[in-house]
PDB file of N, CA and C in Angstrom:
ATOM      1  N   UNK A   1      -9.301  -1.167 -31.552  1.00  0.00           N
ATOM      2  CA  UNK A   1      -9.500  -0.047 -30.814  1.00  0.00           C
ATOM      3  C   UNK A   1      -9.118   1.405 -31.434  1.00  0.00           C
ATOM      4  N   UNK A   2      -9.559   2.521 -31.114  1.00  0.00           N
ATOM      5  CA  UNK A   2      -8.476   3.644 -31.876  1.00  0.00           C
ATOM      6  C   UNK A   2      -7.326   3.691 -30.706  1.00  0.00           C
ATOM      7  N   UNK A   3      -6.737   5.071 -31.613  1.00  0.00           N
ATOM      8  CA  UNK A   3      -5.099   5.497 -30.556  1.00  0.00           C
ATOM      9  C   UNK A   3      -5.522   6.092 -29.459  1.00  0.00           C
ATOM     10  N   UNK A   4      -6.801   7.175 -29.600  1.00  0.00           N
ATOM     11  CA  UNK A   4      -7.010   7.975 -28.348  1.00  0.00           C
ATOM     12  C   UNK A   4      -7.482   6.519 -27.440  1.00  0.00           C
ATOM     13  N   UNK A   5      -8.529   5.667 -27.423  1.00  0.00           N
ATOM     14  CA  UNK A   5      -8.314   4.423 -26.751  1.00  0.00           C
ATOM     15  C   UNK A   5      -7.191   3.443 -26.068  1.00  0.00           C
ATOM     16  N   UNK A   6      -6.422   3.693 -26.837  1.00  0.00           N
ATOM     17  CA  UNK A   6      -5.028   2.834 -26.773  1.00  0.00           C
ATOM     18  C   UNK A   6      -4.138   3.263 -25.540  1.00  0.00           C
ATOM     19  N   UNK A   7      -4.349   5.160 -25.787  1.00  0.00           N
ATOM     20  CA  UNK A   7      -3.977   5.855 -25.007  1.00  0.00           C
ATOM     21  C   UNK A   7      -4.251   5.428 -23.413  1.00  0.00           C
ATOM     22  N   UNK A   8      -5.570   6.027 -23.499  1.00  0.00           N
ATOM     23  CA  UNK A   8      -6.421   5.951 -22.383  1.00  0.00           C
ATOM     24  C   UNK A   8      -6.242   4.415 -21.400  1.00  0.00           C
ATOM     25  N   UNK A   9      -6.057   3.182 -22.834  1.00  0.00           N
ATOM     26  CA  UNK A   9      -5.583   1.914 -21.752  1.00  0.00           C
ATOM     27  C   UNK A   9      -4.627   2.042 -21.200  1.00  0.00           C
ATOM     28  N   UNK A  10      -3.587   2.319 -21.895  1.00  0.00           N
ATOM     29  CA  UNK A  10      -2.319   2.319 -21.335  1.00  0.00           C
ATOM     30  C   UNK A  10      -1.889   3.563 -19.838  1.00  0.00           C
ATOM     31  N   UNK A  11      -2.687   4.277 -20.017  1.00  0.00           N
ATOM     32  CA  UNK A  11      -2.562   5.326 -19.139  1.00  0.00           C
ATOM     33  C   UNK A  11      -3.446   4.534 -17.741  1.00  0.00           C
ATOM     34  N   UNK A  12      -3.977   3.906 -18.066  1.00  0.00           N
ATOM     35  CA  UNK A  12      -5.115   2.970 -16.644  1.00  0.00           C
ATOM     36  C   UNK A  12      -3.785   1.864 -16.320  1.00  0.00           C
ATOM     37  N   UNK A  13      -3.333   1.606 -16.859  1.00  0.00           N
ATOM     38  CA  UNK A  13      -2.176   0.165 -16.503  1.00  0.00           C
ATOM     39  C   UNK A  13      -1.177   1.255 -15.467  1.00  0.00           C
ATOM     40  N   UNK A  14      -0.513   2.232 -16.521  1.00  0.00           N
ATOM     41  CA  UNK A  14       0.293   2.961 -15.334  1.00  0.00           C
ATOM     42  C   UNK A  14      -0.425   3.488 -14.323  1.00  0.00           C
ATOM     43  N   UNK A  15      -1.488   3.628 -13.629  1.00  0.00           N
ATOM     44  CA  UNK A  15      -1.703   3.879 -12.256  1.00  0.00           C
ATOM     45  C   UNK A  15      -1.947   2.259 -11.580  1.00  0.00           C
ATOM     46  N   UNK A  16      -2.468   1.855 -12.384  1.00  0.00           N
ATOM     47  CA  UNK A  16      -2.607   0.176 -11.772  1.00  0.00           C
ATOM     48  C   UNK A  16      -0.964   0.271 -11.234  1.00  0.00           C
ATOM     49  N   UNK A  17       0.025  -0.095 -11.939  1.00  0.00           N
ATOM     50  CA  UNK A  17       1.699   0.083 -12.121  1.00  0.00           C
ATOM     51  C   UNK A  17       1.906   0.261 -10.536  1.00  0.00           C
ATOM     52  N   UNK A  18       1.776   2.149 -10.687  1.00  0.00           N
ATOM     53  CA  UNK A  18       2.157   3.127  -9.707  1.00  0.00           C
ATOM     54  C   UNK A  18       1.411   2.551  -8.520  1.00  0.00           C
ATOM     55  N   UNK A  19       0.114   2.186  -8.205  1.00  0.00           N
ATOM     56  CA  UNK A  19      -0.777   2.030  -7.080  1.00  0.00           C
ATOM     57  C   UNK A  19      -0.132   0.205  -6.419  1.00  0.00           C
ATOM     58  N   UNK A  20       0.294  -0.279  -7.282  1.00  0.00           N
ATOM     59  CA  UNK A  20       1.114  -1.480  -6.254  1.00  0.00           C
ATOM     60  C   UNK A  20       2.283  -1.351  -6.117  1.00  0.00           C
ATOM     61  N   UNK A  21       2.719  -0.262  -6.942  1.00  0.00           N
ATOM     62  CA  UNK A  21       4.570   0.067  -6.453  1.00  0.00           C
ATOM     63  C   UNK A  21       4.169   0.848  -5.114  1.00  0.00           C
ATOM     64  N   UNK A  22       3.147   1.889  -4.650  1.00  0.00           N
ATOM     65  CA  UNK A  22       3.011   2.261  -3.823  1.00  0.00           C
ATOM     66  C   UNK A  22       2.682   1.465  -2.617  1.00  0.00           C
ATOM     67  N   UNK A  23       1.821   0.391  -2.975  1.00  0.00           N
ATOM     68  CA  UNK A  23       1.532   0.152  -1.650  1.00  0.00           C
ATOM     69  C   UNK A  23       2.735  -1.207  -1.180  1.00  0.00           C
ATOM     70  N   UNK A  24       3.317  -1.424  -2.248  1.00  0.00           N
ATOM     71  CA  UNK A  24       4.779  -2.417  -1.723  1.00  0.00           C
ATOM     72  C   UNK A  24       5.601  -1.164  -0.602  1.00  0.00           C
ATOM     73  N   UNK A  25       5.443   0.080  -1.252  1.00  0.00           N
ATOM     74  CA  UNK A  25       6.686   1.173  -0.209  1.00  0.00           C
ATOM     75  C   UNK A  25       5.265   1.240   1.116  1.00  0.00           C
ATOM     76  N   UNK A  26       4.346   1.025   1.029  1.00  0.00           N
ATOM     77  CA  UNK A  26       3.600   1.129   1.943  1.00  0.00           C
ATOM     78  C   UNK A  26       3.931   0.233   2.999  1.00  0.00           C
ATOM     79  N   UNK A  27       3.790  -1.541   2.365  1.00  0.00           N
ATOM     80  CA  UNK A  27       4.283  -2.164   3.185  1.00  0.00           C
ATOM     81  C   UNK A  27       5.807  -2.305   4.047  1.00  0.00           C
ATOM     82  N   UNK A  28       6.875  -1.852   2.929  1.00  0.00           N
ATOM     83  CA  UNK A  28       7.860  -1.797   3.350  1.00  0.00           C
ATOM     84  C   UNK A  28       8.363  -0.970   4.346  1.00  0.00           C
ATOM     85  N   UNK A  29       7.322   0.875   4.569  1.00  0.00           N
ATOM     86  CA  UNK A  29       7.619   1.349   5.363  1.00  0.00           C
ATOM     87  C   UNK A  29       6.503   0.856   7.013  1.00  0.00           C
ATOM     88  N   UNK A  30       5.720   0.105   7.073  1.00  0.00           N
ATOM     89  CA  UNK A  30       5.529  -0.840   7.999  1.00  0.00           C
ATOM     90  C   UNK A  30       6.134  -1.326   8.046  1.00  0.00           C
ATOM     91  N   UNK A  31       7.032  -2.349   7.314  1.00  0.00           N
ATOM     92  CA  UNK A  31       7.911  -3.442   8.033  1.00  0.00           C
ATOM     93  C   UNK A  31       8.804  -2.698   8.589  1.00  0.00           C
ATOM     94  N   UNK A  32       9.906  -1.611   8.304  1.00  0.00           N
ATOM     95  CA  UNK A  32      10.717  -0.491   8.791  1.00  0.00           C
ATOM     96  C   UNK A  32      10.453  -0.239   9.872  1.00  0.00           C
ATOM     97  N   UNK A  33       8.755  -0.151  10.429  1.00  0.00           N
ATOM     98  CA  UNK A  33       8.670   0.745  11.578  1.00  0.00           C
ATOM     99  C   UNK A  33       8.388  -0.444  12.602  1.00  0.00           C
ATOM    100  N   UNK A  34       8.102  -1.639  12.275  1.00  0.00           N
ATOM    101  CA  UNK A  34       8.350  -2.417  13.287  1.00  0.00           C
ATOM    102  C   UNK A  34       9.014  -2.470  14.061  1.00  0.00           C
ATOM    103  N   UNK A  35      10.294  -2.035  14.471  1.00  0.00           N
ATOM    104  CA  UNK A  35      11.320  -2.198  15.565  1.00  0.00           C
ATOM    105  C   UNK A  35      10.637  -1.638  17.020  1.00  0.00           C
ATOM    106  N   UNK A  36       9.782   0.041  16.026  1.00  0.00           N
ATOM    107  CA  UNK A  36       9.340   0.283  17.056  1.00  0.00           C
ATOM    108  C   UNK A  36       8.680  -0.293  18.007  1.00  0.00           C
ATOM    109  N   UNK A  37       7.743  -1.257  17.298  1.00  0.00           N
ATOM    110  CA  UNK A  37       7.157  -1.985  17.853  1.00  0.00           C
ATOM    111  C   UNK A  37       7.462  -2.662  19.138  1.00  0.00           C
ATOM    112  N   UNK A  38       8.710  -3.472  19.077  1.00  0.00           N
ATOM    113  CA  UNK A  38       9.528  -4.257  19.580  1.00  0.00           C
ATOM    114  C   UNK A  38      10.632  -3.514  20.704  1.00  0.00           C
ATOM    115  N   UNK A  39      11.278  -2.372  20.309  1.00  0.00           N
ATOM    116  CA  UNK A  39      11.493  -1.339  21.165  1.00  0.00           C
ATOM    117  C   UNK A  39      11.062  -0.287  22.144  1.00  0.00           C
ATOM    118  N   UNK A  40       9.573  -0.621  22.556  1.00  0.00           N
ATOM    119  CA  UNK A  40       8.747   0.109  23.114  1.00  0.00           C
ATOM    120  C   UNK A  40       9.479   0.422  24.558  1.00  0.00           C
ATOM    121  N   UNK A  41       9.901   0.083  25.285  1.00  0.00           N
ATOM    122  CA  UNK A  41      10.932   0.219  26.242  1.00  0.00           C
ATOM    123  C   UNK A  41      12.263   1.210  26.232  1.00  0.00           C
ATOM    124  N   UNK A  42      12.893   1.140  24.933  1.00  0.00           N
ATOM    125  CA  UNK A  42      14.042   2.044  24.721  1.00  0.00           C
ATOM    126  C   UNK A  42      12.606   3.326  24.037  1.00  0.00           C
ATOM    127  N   UNK A  43      12.223   3.437  23.082  1.00  0.00           N
ATOM    128  CA  UNK A  43      11.495   4.322  22.639  1.00  0.00           C
ATOM    129  C   UNK A  43      10.904   5.064  23.227  1.00  0.00           C
ATOM    130  N   UNK A  44      10.187   4.892  24.335  1.00  0.00           N
ATOM    131  CA  UNK A  44       9.370   5.262  25.336  1.00  0.00           C
ATOM    132  C   UNK A  44      10.072   6.619  25.906  1.00  0.00           C
ATOM    133  N   UNK A  45      11.263   6.640  26.929  1.00  0.00           N
ATOM    134  CA  UNK A  45      11.694   7.458  27.456  1.00  0.00           C
ATOM    135  C   UNK A  45      11.947   8.548  26.550  1.00  0.00           C
ATOM    136  N   UNK A  46      12.438   8.216  25.287  1.00  0.00           N
ATOM    137  CA  UNK A  46      12.798   9.621  24.186  1.00  0.00           C
ATOM    138  C   UNK A  46      11.584  10.323  23.882  1.00  0.00           C
ATOM    139  N   UNK A  47      10.291   9.705  23.581  1.00  0.00           N
ATOM    140  CA  UNK A  47       9.007  10.025  23.343  1.00  0.00           C
ATOM    141  C   UNK A  47       8.486  10.630  24.422  1.00  0.00           C
ATOM    142  N   UNK A  48       8.886  10.521  25.659  1.00  0.00           N
ATOM    143  CA  UNK A  48       8.221  11.103  26.967  1.00  0.00           C
ATOM    144  C   UNK A  48       8.842  12.274  27.256  1.00  0.00           C
ATOM    145  N   UNK A  49      10.006  12.138  26.742  1.00  0.00           N
ATOM    146  CA  UNK A  49      10.945  13.661  27.041  1.00  0.00           C
ATOM    147  C   UNK A  49      10.772  15.078  26.133  1.00  0.00           C
ATOM    148  N   UNK A  50       9.773  14.365  25.041  1.00  0.00           N
ATOM    149  CA  UNK A  50       9.319  15.554  24.173  1.00  0.00           C
ATOM    150  C   UNK A  50       7.830  15.634  24.466  1.00  0.00           C
ATOM    151  N   UNK A  51       7.056  14.585  24.745  1.00  0.00           N
ATOM    152  CA  UNK A  51       5.882  14.595  24.806  1.00  0.00           C
ATOM    153  C   UNK A  51       5.208  13.848  26.084  1.00  0.00           C
ATOM    154  N   UNK A  52       5.044  14.092  27.261  1.00  0.00           N
ATOM    155  CA  UNK A  52       4.911  13.782  28.324  1.00  0.00           C
ATOM    156  C   UNK A  52       3.449  13.248  28.251  1.00  0.00           C
ATOM    157  N   UNK A  53       3.609  11.643  28.290  1.00  0.00           N
ATOM    158  CA  UNK A  53       2.369  10.983  28.891  1.00  0.00           C
ATOM    159  C   UNK A  53       2.367   9.501  29.436  1.00  0.00           C
ATOM    160  N   UNK A  54       1.665   8.400  29.922  1.00  0.00           N
ATOM    161  CA  UNK A  54       1.938   7.734  30.550  1.00  0.00           C
ATOM    162  C   UNK A  54       2.135   6.229  29.532  1.00  0.00           C
ATOM    163  N   UNK A  55       2.494   5.610  30.141  1.00  0.00           N
ATOM    164  CA  UNK A  55       3.346   4.293  29.336  1.00  0.00           C
ATOM    165  C   UNK A  55       1.938   3.757  28.499  1.00  0.00           C
ATOM    166  N   UNK A  56       0.721   3.515  29.085  1.00  0.00           N
ATOM    167  CA  UNK A  56      -0.502   3.001  28.243  1.00  0.00           C
ATOM    168  C   UNK A  56      -0.681   3.838  27.222  1.00  0.00           C
ATOM    169  N   UNK A  57      -0.938   4.977  27.650  1.00  0.00           N
ATOM    170  CA  UNK A  57      -0.943   5.842  26.017  1.00  0.00           C
ATOM    171  C   UNK A  57      -0.105   5.776  24.988  1.00  0.00           C
ATOM    172  N   UNK A  58       1.147   5.659  25.568  1.00  0.00           N
ATOM    173  CA  UNK A  58       1.933   5.609  24.184  1.00  0.00           C
ATOM    174  C   UNK A  58       1.720   4.225  23.620  1.00  0.00           C
ATOM    175  N   UNK A  59       1.570   3.342  24.287  1.00  0.00           N
ATOM    176  CA  UNK A  59       1.340   1.844  23.904  1.00  0.00           C
ATOM    177  C   UNK A  59       0.301   2.011  22.830  1.00  0.00           C
ATOM    178  N   UNK A  60      -0.415   2.409  23.090  1.00  0.00           N
ATOM    179  CA  UNK A  60      -1.817   2.428  22.301  1.00  0.00           C
ATOM    180  C   UNK A  60      -1.842   3.283  21.278  1.00  0.00           C
ATOM    181  N   UNK A  61      -1.395   4.276  21.372  1.00  0.00           N
ATOM    182  CA  UNK A  61      -0.984   5.495  20.189  1.00  0.00           C
ATOM    183  C   UNK A  61      -0.257   4.648  18.977  1.00  0.00           C
ATOM    184  N   UNK A  62       0.921   3.944  19.728  1.00  0.00           N
ATOM    185  CA  UNK A  62       1.784   3.443  19.104  1.00  0.00           C
ATOM    186  C   UNK A  62       1.305   2.195  17.661  1.00  0.00           C
ATOM    187  N   UNK A  63       0.482   1.562  18.410  1.00  0.00           N
ATOM    188  CA  UNK A  63      -0.031   0.225  17.976  1.00  0.00           C
ATOM    189  C   UNK A  63      -1.106   0.848  17.016  1.00  0.00           C
ATOM    190  N   UNK A  64      -2.245   2.116  17.458  1.00  0.00           N
ATOM    191  CA  UNK A  64      -3.136   3.123  16.795  1.00  0.00           C
ATOM    192  C   UNK A  64      -2.730   3.331  15.697  1.00  0.00           C
ATOM    193  N   UNK A  65      -1.057   3.914  15.751  1.00  0.00           N
ATOM    194  CA  UNK A  65      -0.541   4.570  13.984  1.00  0.00           C
ATOM    195  C   UNK A  65      -0.103   3.264  13.216  1.00  0.00           C
ATOM    196  N   UNK A  66      -0.128   2.330  13.724  1.00  0.00           N
ATOM    197  CA  UNK A  66       0.779   1.379  12.736  1.00  0.00           C
ATOM    198  C   UNK A  66      -0.813   0.745  12.455  1.00  0.00           C
ATOM    199  N   UNK A  67      -1.485   0.205  13.016  1.00  0.00           N
ATOM    200  CA  UNK A  67      -2.869   0.035  12.490  1.00  0.00           C
ATOM    201  C   UNK A  67      -3.401   0.939  11.403  1.00  0.00           C
ATOM    202  N   UNK A  68      -3.375   1.791  11.929  1.00  0.00           N
ATOM    203  CA  UNK A  68      -4.549   3.257  10.742  1.00  0.00           C
ATOM    204  C   UNK A  68      -3.067   2.949   9.346  1.00  0.00           C
ATOM    205  N   UNK A  69      -1.902   3.091   9.516  1.00  0.00           N
ATOM    206  CA  UNK A  69      -1.069   3.045   8.866  1.00  0.00           C
ATOM    207  C   UNK A  69      -1.490   1.563   7.335  1.00  0.00           C
ATOM    208  N   UNK A  70      -1.755   0.663   8.169  1.00  0.00           N
ATOM    209  CA  UNK A  70      -1.573  -0.520   7.866  1.00  0.00           C
ATOM    210  C   UNK A  70      -3.231  -0.654   6.712  1.00  0.00           C
ATOM    211  N   UNK A  71      -4.319  -0.149   7.083  1.00  0.00           N
ATOM    212  CA  UNK A  71      -5.740   0.254   6.657  1.00  0.00           C
ATOM    213  C   UNK A  71      -5.488   1.131   5.631  1.00  0.00           C
ATOM    214  N   UNK A  72      -4.794   2.182   5.534  1.00  0.00           N
ATOM    215  CA  UNK A  72      -4.358   3.067   4.844  1.00  0.00           C
ATOM    216  C   UNK A  72      -4.073   2.607   3.763  1.00  0.00           C
ATOM    217  N   UNK A  73      -3.161   1.838   3.833  1.00  0.00           N
ATOM    218  CA  UNK A  73      -2.107   0.873   2.528  1.00  0.00           C
ATOM    219  C   UNK A  73      -3.215   0.255   1.776  1.00  0.00           C
ATOM    220  N   UNK A  74      -4.108  -0.969   2.551  1.00  0.00           N
ATOM    221  CA  UNK A  74      -4.822  -1.106   2.212  1.00  0.00           C
ATOM    222  C   UNK A  74      -5.620  -0.689   1.089  1.00  0.00           C
ATOM    223  N   UNK A  75      -6.870  -0.026   2.011  1.00  0.00           N
ATOM    224  CA  UNK A  75      -8.069   0.862   1.277  1.00  0.00           C
ATOM    225  C   UNK A  75      -7.464   1.655  -0.194  1.00  0.00           C
ATOM    226  N   UNK A  76      -6.606   2.461   0.506  1.00  0.00           N
ATOM    227  CA  UNK A  76      -5.988   3.726  -0.766  1.00  0.00           C
ATOM    228  C   UNK A  76      -5.855   3.523  -1.728  1.00  0.00           C
ATOM    229  N   UNK A  77      -4.264   2.088  -1.587  1.00  0.00           N
ATOM    230  CA  UNK A  77      -3.632   1.556  -2.653  1.00  0.00           C
ATOM    231  C   UNK A  77      -4.017   0.252  -3.108  1.00  0.00           C
ATOM    232  N   UNK A  78      -3.933  -0.542  -2.389  1.00  0.00           N
ATOM    233  CA  UNK A  78      -3.714  -2.331  -2.556  1.00  0.00           C
ATOM    234  C   UNK A  78      -5.109  -2.616  -2.940  1.00  0.00           C
ATOM    235  N   UNK A  79      -6.124  -2.143  -2.845  1.00  0.00           N
ATOM    236  CA  UNK A  79      -7.474  -2.509  -3.003  1.00  0.00           C
ATOM    237  C   UNK A  79      -7.733  -1.533  -4.455  1.00  0.00           C
ATOM    238  N   UNK A  80      -8.118  -0.227  -4.763  1.00  0.00           N
ATOM    239  CA  UNK A  80      -7.729  -0.160  -5.520  1.00  0.00           C
ATOM    240  C   UNK A  80      -7.302  -0.801  -6.832  1.00  0.00           C
ATOM    241  N   UNK A  81      -6.075  -0.699  -6.702  1.00  0.00           N
ATOM    242  CA  UNK A  81      -5.019  -1.565  -8.117  1.00  0.00           C
ATOM    243  C   UNK A  81      -5.489  -2.693  -8.038  1.00  0.00           C
ATOM    244  N   UNK A  82      -5.739  -3.686  -7.171  1.00  0.00           N
ATOM    245  CA  UNK A  82      -6.283  -5.076  -7.542  1.00  0.00           C
ATOM    246  C   UNK A  82      -8.026  -4.987  -8.213  1.00  0.00           C
ATOM    247  N   UNK A  83      -8.882  -3.934  -7.968  1.00  0.00           N
ATOM    248  CA  UNK A  83      -9.854  -3.547  -8.748  1.00  0.00           C
ATOM    249  C   UNK A  83      -9.525  -3.361 -10.238  1.00  0.00           C
ATOM    250  N   UNK A  84      -9.125  -1.928 -10.078  1.00  0.00           N
ATOM    251  CA  UNK A  84      -8.760  -2.034 -11.401  1.00  0.00           C
ATOM    252  C   UNK A  84      -7.745  -3.070 -12.697  1.00  0.00           C
ATOM    253  N   UNK A  85      -7.293  -3.512 -11.908  1.00  0.00           N
ATOM    254  CA  UNK A  85      -6.394  -4.519 -12.385  1.00  0.00           C
ATOM    255  C   UNK A  85      -7.264  -5.655 -13.399  1.00  0.00           C
ATOM    256  N   UNK A  86      -8.286  -6.085 -12.280  1.00  0.00           N
ATOM    257  CA  UNK A  86      -9.308  -6.751 -12.680  1.00  0.00           C
ATOM    258  C   UNK A  86      -9.927  -6.373 -13.766  1.00  0.00           C
ATOM    259  N   UNK A  87     -10.415  -4.935 -13.530  1.00  0.00           N
ATOM    260  CA  UNK A  87     -11.113  -4.911 -14.385  1.00  0.00           C
ATOM    261  C   UNK A  87     -10.737  -4.764 -16.101  1.00  0.00           C
ATOM    262  N   UNK A  88      -9.574  -4.102 -16.188  1.00  0.00           N
ATOM    263  CA  UNK A  88      -8.841  -4.264 -17.093  1.00  0.00           C
ATOM    264  C   UNK A  88      -8.674  -5.322 -17.684  1.00  0.00           C
ATOM    265  N   UNK A  89      -8.089  -6.401 -16.964  1.00  0.00           N
ATOM    266  CA  UNK A  89      -7.970  -7.771 -17.707  1.00  0.00           C
ATOM    267  C   UNK A  89      -9.780  -8.138 -17.813  1.00  0.00           C
ATOM    268  N   UNK A  90     -10.202  -7.470 -16.906  1.00  0.00           N
ATOM    269  CA  UNK A  90     -11.492  -8.320 -18.041  1.00  0.00           C
ATOM    270  C   UNK A  90     -12.305  -7.835 -19.264  1.00  0.00           C
ATOM    271  N   UNK A  91     -12.282  -6.515 -19.366  1.00  0.00           N
ATOM    272  CA  UNK A  91     -12.230  -5.887 -20.448  1.00  0.00           C
ATOM    273  C   UNK A  91     -11.712  -5.421 -21.642  1.00  0.00           C
ATOM    274  N   UNK A  92     -10.137  -6.404 -21.771  1.00  0.00           N
ATOM    275  CA  UNK A  92      -9.206  -6.330 -22.291  1.00  0.00           C
ATOM    276  C   UNK A  92      -8.588  -7.550 -22.062  1.00  0.00           C
ATOM    277  N   UNK A  93      -8.734  -8.977 -22.710  1.00  0.00           N
ATOM    278  CA  UNK A  93      -8.338  -9.845 -21.956  1.00  0.00           C
ATOM    279  C   UNK A  93      -6.806  -9.954 -22.918  1.00  0.00           C
ATOM    280  N   UNK A  94      -5.874 -10.550 -22.864  1.00  0.00           N
ATOM    281  CA  UNK A  94      -5.015 -11.068 -23.601  1.00  0.00           C
ATOM    282  C   UNK A  94      -5.455 -11.781 -25.079  1.00  0.00           C
ATOM    283  N   UNK A  95      -4.754 -11.608 -25.945  1.00  0.00           N
ATOM    284  CA  UNK A  95      -5.166 -12.236 -27.163  1.00  0.00           C
ATOM    285  C   UNK A  95      -4.513 -13.142 -26.992  1.00  0.00           C
ATOM    286  N   UNK A  96      -5.165 -14.393 -27.658  1.00  0.00           N
ATOM    287  CA  UNK A  96      -4.551 -15.657 -27.750  1.00  0.00           C
ATOM    288  C   UNK A  96      -4.145 -16.370 -28.746  1.00  0.00           C
ATOM    289  N   UNK A  97      -3.037 -16.829 -28.424  1.00  0.00           N
ATOM    290  CA  UNK A  97      -1.409 -17.076 -28.871  1.00  0.00           C
ATOM    291  C   UNK A  97      -1.895 -18.051 -29.741  1.00  0.00           C
ATOM    292  N   UNK A  98      -1.967 -18.258 -31.121  1.00  0.00           N
ATOM    293  CA  UNK A  98      -2.517 -19.660 -32.617  1.00  0.00           C
ATOM    294  C   UNK A  98      -1.369 -20.116 -32.677  1.00  0.00           C
ATOM    295  N   UNK A  99      -1.628 -21.262 -32.002  1.00  0.00           N
ATOM    296  CA  UNK A  99      -0.002 -22.536 -32.147  1.00  0.00           C
ATOM    297  C   UNK A  99       0.212 -22.978 -33.329  1.00  0.00           C
ATOM    298  N   UNK A 100       0.915 -23.653 -34.135  1.00  0.00           N
ATOM    299  CA  UNK A 100       1.193 -24.419 -35.198  1.00  0.00           C
ATOM    300  C   UNK A 100       1.331 -26.021 -34.620  1.00  0.00           C
ATOM    301  N   UNK A 101      -0.153 -26.782 -34.294  1.00  0.00           N
ATOM    302  CA  UNK A 101       0.523 -27.710 -33.892  1.00  0.00           C
ATOM    303  C   UNK A 101       0.093 -29.081 -34.874  1.00  0.00           C
TER     304      UNK A 101
END
């Protein structure tokens, strides 16, 4: 391979690594937001003081936001990372080590 191809290949691997890290951070953010789901009785009055809404609407909005975040992390971060990783491994497999047996 030429130097330009090597540089492009390295750039693609940097993109793959950053997509994996971003998806990991996205899942960490989702995990950290789980207390909101379990503490709806305590958080709902605080939210209701700012924006008045009934309890069913608040619950639906909370779950919808969490579902949308999960979908966005999967579709825009994790799936492209897996697809690029798979393609790069298929295009440039690791060289086989020649052992002395």
